[in-house]
Amino acid sequence: MQKWYGSAGICINEHKEILMVLQGKPGEDKVWTVPSGGLEKKESFEACCVRELREETGYEVEVIAPLKIKEGTTYGIDVEVHYFEVKVVGGKQQIQDPDNLIHEIAWKSAEEVKGLKLSFPEDRHYLLDLMGCMLPS
C-alpha cells in the first residue's frame, strides 16, 4: 500500500485561539481541521507546511518548531503527517486553495474546538492540550 505524506500547521494567537479551516468536497459534510496538505515532489515537510498555510488561509507563516509526527491509517490510507507550530508573519486572511476544498477560515477558542465536527477527531485532545485546555478523559 502506498503511503501519503503531509504537513499540518498549528497556529495559536495571543487570544489562545487556534487557526482552523472548514473543508470538504462538494456534496460532503464540511468539517474543521488545522491547515494541512500533501507533500509535493522535492519539498521538505516544513516547506509543505508553509505552502499549505498560505494556500488555505492567505497567511504567511514561519515554522517555530516541530510538534509531532502522526502515523496511521486515515480513510483507509496509510499516512504520515508532520505537525509544526507556526506563527503568522504576514499576508491576510483569504482562501487561495487550488483544490477548492476550503470553505471558511476562522480563529477558534478552546470552547469552540470542544464542540466542532473535526476532520480528524483523534486530534481534539492534542489541540486542546496545546491550547492549554484539557478535556476530561
C-alpha atoms as a PDB file:
ATOM      1  CA  MET A   1       0.000   0.000   0.000  1.00  0.00           C
ATOM      2  CA  GLN A   2       1.264   3.450  -0.890  1.00  0.00           C
ATOM      3  CA  LYS A   3       1.809   5.960   1.919  1.00  0.00           C
ATOM      4  CA  TRP A   4       0.588   9.572   1.899  1.00  0.00           C
ATOM      5  CA  TYR A   5       2.906  12.208   3.397  1.00  0.00           C
ATOM      6  CA  GLY A   6       1.824  15.635   4.552  1.00  0.00           C
ATOM      7  CA  SER A   7       2.228  18.523   6.964  1.00  0.00           C
ATOM      8  CA  ALA A   8      -0.060  20.453   9.282  1.00  0.00           C
ATOM      9  CA  GLY A   9       0.427  23.878  10.841  1.00  0.00           C
ATOM     10  CA  ILE A  10      -0.789  24.730  14.310  1.00  0.00           C
ATOM     11  CA  CYS A  11      -1.054  28.459  14.899  1.00  0.00           C
ATOM     12  CA  ILE A  12      -2.333  29.782  18.226  1.00  0.00           C
ATOM     13  CA  ASN A  13      -2.749  33.554  18.548  1.00  0.00           C
ATOM     14  CA  GLU A  14      -2.344  35.874  21.541  1.00  0.00           C
ATOM     15  CA  HIS A  15      -6.003  35.225  22.491  1.00  0.00           C
ATOM     16  CA  LYS A  16      -5.307  31.468  22.743  1.00  0.00           C
ATOM     17  CA  GLU A  17      -7.373  30.834  19.592  1.00  0.00           C
ATOM     18  CA  ILE A  18      -6.291  28.266  17.023  1.00  0.00           C
ATOM     19  CA  LEU A  19      -6.358  28.852  13.270  1.00  0.00           C
ATOM     20  CA  MET A  20      -8.690  26.372  11.574  1.00  0.00           C
ATOM     21  CA  VAL A  21     -10.298  25.815   8.201  1.00  0.00           C
ATOM     22  CA  LEU A  22     -13.670  24.354   7.235  1.00  0.00           C
ATOM     23  CA  GLN A  23     -13.113  21.863   4.447  1.00  0.00           C
ATOM     24  CA  GLY A  24     -14.926  19.337   2.330  1.00  0.00           C
ATOM     25  CA  LYS A  25     -15.550  18.167  -1.191  1.00  0.00           C
ATOM     26  CA  PRO A  26     -18.772  19.170  -2.974  1.00  0.00           C
ATOM     27  CA  GLY A  27     -21.634  17.109  -1.609  1.00  0.00           C
ATOM     28  CA  GLU A  28     -19.732  16.121   1.551  1.00  0.00           C
ATOM     29  CA  ASP A  29     -20.333  17.348   5.093  1.00  0.00           C
ATOM     30  CA  LYS A  30     -17.961  20.212   5.859  1.00  0.00           C
ATOM     31  CA  VAL A  31     -15.599  19.600   8.784  1.00  0.00           C
ATOM     32  CA  TRP A  32     -12.954  21.615  10.649  1.00  0.00           C
ATOM     33  CA  THR A  33      -9.218  20.966  10.737  1.00  0.00           C
ATOM     34  CA  VAL A  34      -5.936  22.775  11.172  1.00  0.00           C
ATOM     35  CA  PRO A  35      -4.490  23.827   7.796  1.00  0.00           C
ATOM     36  CA  SER A  36      -2.705  20.864   6.235  1.00  0.00           C
ATOM     37  CA  GLY A  37      -1.962  19.103   2.989  1.00  0.00           C
ATOM     38  CA  GLY A  38       0.171  16.760   0.993  1.00  0.00           C
ATOM     39  CA  LEU A  39       3.886  16.887   0.370  1.00  0.00           C
ATOM     40  CA  GLU A  40       4.915  17.812  -3.184  1.00  0.00           C
ATOM     41  CA  LYS A  41       7.977  16.401  -5.009  1.00  0.00           C
ATOM     42  CA  LYS A  42      11.315  17.563  -3.578  1.00  0.00           C
ATOM     43  CA  GLU A  43       9.517  19.598  -0.888  1.00  0.00           C
ATOM     44  CA  SER A  44      10.519  19.465   2.775  1.00  0.00           C
ATOM     45  CA  PHE A  45       7.852  18.928   5.429  1.00  0.00           C
ATOM     46  CA  GLU A  46       8.478  22.486   6.694  1.00  0.00           C
ATOM     47  CA  ALA A  47       8.074  23.979   3.192  1.00  0.00           C
ATOM     48  CA  CYS A  48       4.891  21.958   2.715  1.00  0.00           C
ATOM     49  CA  CYS A  49       3.500  23.364   5.954  1.00  0.00           C
ATOM     50  CA  VAL A  50       4.265  26.973   4.968  1.00  0.00           C
ATOM     51  CA  ARG A  51       2.776  26.486   1.471  1.00  0.00           C
ATOM     52  CA  GLU A  52      -0.399  24.841   2.747  1.00  0.00           C
ATOM     53  CA  LEU A  53      -0.996  27.618   5.281  1.00  0.00           C
ATOM     54  CA  ARG A  54      -0.593  30.241   2.547  1.00  0.00           C
ATOM     55  CA  GLU A  55      -2.901  28.383   0.138  1.00  0.00           C
ATOM     56  CA  GLU A  56      -5.608  27.593   2.662  1.00  0.00           C
ATOM     57  CA  THR A  57      -5.608  30.779   4.769  1.00  0.00           C
ATOM     58  CA  GLY A  58      -3.710  33.542   2.917  1.00  0.00           C
ATOM     59  CA  TYR A  59      -1.325  33.946   5.853  1.00  0.00           C
ATOM     60  CA  GLU A  60       2.436  33.832   5.501  1.00  0.00           C
ATOM     61  CA  VAL A  61       3.806  31.801   8.381  1.00  0.00           C
ATOM     62  CA  GLU A  62       7.131  30.885   9.889  1.00  0.00           C
ATOM     63  CA  VAL A  63       7.769  27.451  11.358  1.00  0.00           C
ATOM     64  CA  ILE A  64       8.671  27.767  15.043  1.00  0.00           C
ATOM     65  CA  ALA A  65       9.153  24.130  15.995  1.00  0.00           C
ATOM     66  CA  PRO A  66       8.226  20.570  15.037  1.00  0.00           C
ATOM     67  CA  LEU A  67       5.478  19.237  17.326  1.00  0.00           C
ATOM     68  CA  LYS A  68       4.758  15.625  16.436  1.00  0.00           C
ATOM     69  CA  ILE A  69       4.530  13.076  13.657  1.00  0.00           C
ATOM     70  CA  LYS A  70       1.228  11.254  13.346  1.00  0.00           C
ATOM     71  CA  GLU A  71       1.328   7.899  11.608  1.00  0.00           C
ATOM     72  CA  GLY A  72      -1.591   5.603  10.987  1.00  0.00           C
ATOM     73  CA  THR A  73      -4.421   4.827   8.634  1.00  0.00           C
ATOM     74  CA  THR A  74      -6.910   7.560   7.790  1.00  0.00           C
ATOM     75  CA  TYR A  75      -9.859   6.890   5.483  1.00  0.00           C
ATOM     76  CA  GLY A  76      -8.155   3.605   4.507  1.00  0.00           C
ATOM     77  CA  ILE A  77      -4.840   5.240   3.519  1.00  0.00           C
ATOM     78  CA  ASP A  78      -1.521   4.901   5.386  1.00  0.00           C
ATOM     79  CA  VAL A  79      -0.452   8.418   6.370  1.00  0.00           C
ATOM     80  CA  GLU A  80       2.461  10.247   7.939  1.00  0.00           C
ATOM     81  CA  VAL A  81       1.668  13.833   8.903  1.00  0.00           C
ATOM     82  CA  HIS A  82       4.246  16.181  10.391  1.00  0.00           C
ATOM     83  CA  TYR A  83       2.745  18.792  12.718  1.00  0.00           C
ATOM     84  CA  PHE A  84       4.515  22.123  13.227  1.00  0.00           C
ATOM     85  CA  GLU A  85       3.998  25.100  15.488  1.00  0.00           C
ATOM     86  CA  VAL A  86       3.801  28.190  13.273  1.00  0.00           C
ATOM     87  CA  LYS A  87       3.303  31.924  13.704  1.00  0.00           C
ATOM     88  CA  VAL A  88       1.785  34.436  11.305  1.00  0.00           C
ATOM     89  CA  VAL A  89       4.405  36.807   9.873  1.00  0.00           C
ATOM     90  CA  GLY A  90       2.405  38.377   7.046  1.00  0.00           C
ATOM     91  CA  GLY A  91      -0.344  38.053   4.500  1.00  0.00           C
ATOM     92  CA  LYS A  92      -4.053  38.461   5.099  1.00  0.00           C
ATOM     93  CA  GLN A  93      -6.864  36.026   5.703  1.00  0.00           C
ATOM     94  CA  GLN A  94      -8.190  34.771   2.376  1.00  0.00           C
ATOM     95  CA  ILE A  95      -8.883  31.421   0.793  1.00  0.00           C
ATOM     96  CA  GLN A  96      -6.471  30.663  -2.069  1.00  0.00           C
ATOM     97  CA  ASP A  97      -6.910  26.874  -2.118  1.00  0.00           C
ATOM     98  CA  PRO A  98      -6.185  25.492  -5.600  1.00  0.00           C
ATOM     99  CA  ASP A  99      -8.186  22.351  -4.733  1.00  0.00           C
ATOM    100  CA  ASN A 100     -11.330  24.350  -3.827  1.00  0.00           C
ATOM    101  CA  LEU A 101     -11.837  22.325  -0.648  1.00  0.00           C
ATOM    102  CA  ILE A 102     -11.668  25.205   1.862  1.00  0.00           C
ATOM    103  CA  HIS A 103     -14.943  26.988   2.650  1.00  0.00           C
ATOM    104  CA  GLU A 104     -14.132  29.089   5.709  1.00  0.00           C
ATOM    105  CA  ILE A 105     -11.161  30.278   7.779  1.00  0.00           C
ATOM    106  CA  ALA A 106     -11.599  31.063  11.482  1.00  0.00           C
ATOM    107  CA  TRP A 107      -9.770  31.514  14.753  1.00  0.00           C
ATOM    108  CA  LYS A 108     -11.436  29.133  17.224  1.00  0.00           C
ATOM    109  CA  SER A 109     -11.385  29.228  21.028  1.00  0.00           C
ATOM    110  CA  ALA A 110     -10.865  26.080  23.091  1.00  0.00           C
ATOM    111  CA  GLU A 111     -14.578  26.088  23.969  1.00  0.00           C
ATOM    112  CA  GLU A 112     -15.441  26.135  20.271  1.00  0.00           C
ATOM    113  CA  VAL A 113     -12.918  23.381  19.453  1.00  0.00           C
ATOM    114  CA  LYS A 114     -14.570  21.137  22.061  1.00  0.00           C
ATOM    115  CA  GLY A 115     -17.795  21.117  20.035  1.00  0.00           C
ATOM    116  CA  LEU A 116     -16.572  21.253  16.428  1.00  0.00           C
ATOM    117  CA  LYS A 117     -17.090  18.431  13.966  1.00  0.00           C
ATOM    118  CA  LEU A 118     -13.441  17.667  13.160  1.00  0.00           C
ATOM    119  CA  SER A 119     -11.994  16.043  10.067  1.00  0.00           C
ATOM    120  CA  PHE A 120      -9.618  14.187  12.390  1.00  0.00           C
ATOM    121  CA  PRO A 121     -11.449  13.737  15.733  1.00  0.00           C
ATOM    122  CA  GLU A 122      -8.403  11.968  17.179  1.00  0.00           C
ATOM    123  CA  ASP A 123      -6.637  15.373  17.161  1.00  0.00           C
ATOM    124  CA  ARG A 124      -9.126  17.091  19.530  1.00  0.00           C
ATOM    125  CA  HIS A 125      -7.352  16.246  22.821  1.00  0.00           C
ATOM    126  CA  TYR A 126      -3.963  17.150  21.341  1.00  0.00           C
ATOM    127  CA  LEU A 127      -5.172  20.531  20.036  1.00  0.00           C
ATOM    128  CA  LEU A 128      -6.885  21.388  23.321  1.00  0.00           C
ATOM    129  CA  ASP A 129      -3.764  20.413  25.230  1.00  0.00           C
ATOM    130  CA  LEU A 130      -1.703  22.789  23.078  1.00  0.00           C
ATOM    131  CA  MET A 131      -4.304  25.499  23.726  1.00  0.00           C
ATOM    132  CA  GLY A 132      -3.941  24.892  27.473  1.00  0.00           C
ATOM    133  CA  CYS A 133      -7.353  23.300  27.965  1.00  0.00           C
ATOM    134  CA  MET A 134      -7.551  19.576  28.639  1.00  0.00           C
ATOM    135  CA  LEU A 135     -10.767  17.599  28.158  1.00  0.00           C
ATOM    136  CA  PRO A 136     -11.622  15.107  30.891  1.00  0.00           C
ATOM    137  CA  SER A 137     -10.682  11.566  29.877  1.00  0.00           C
END
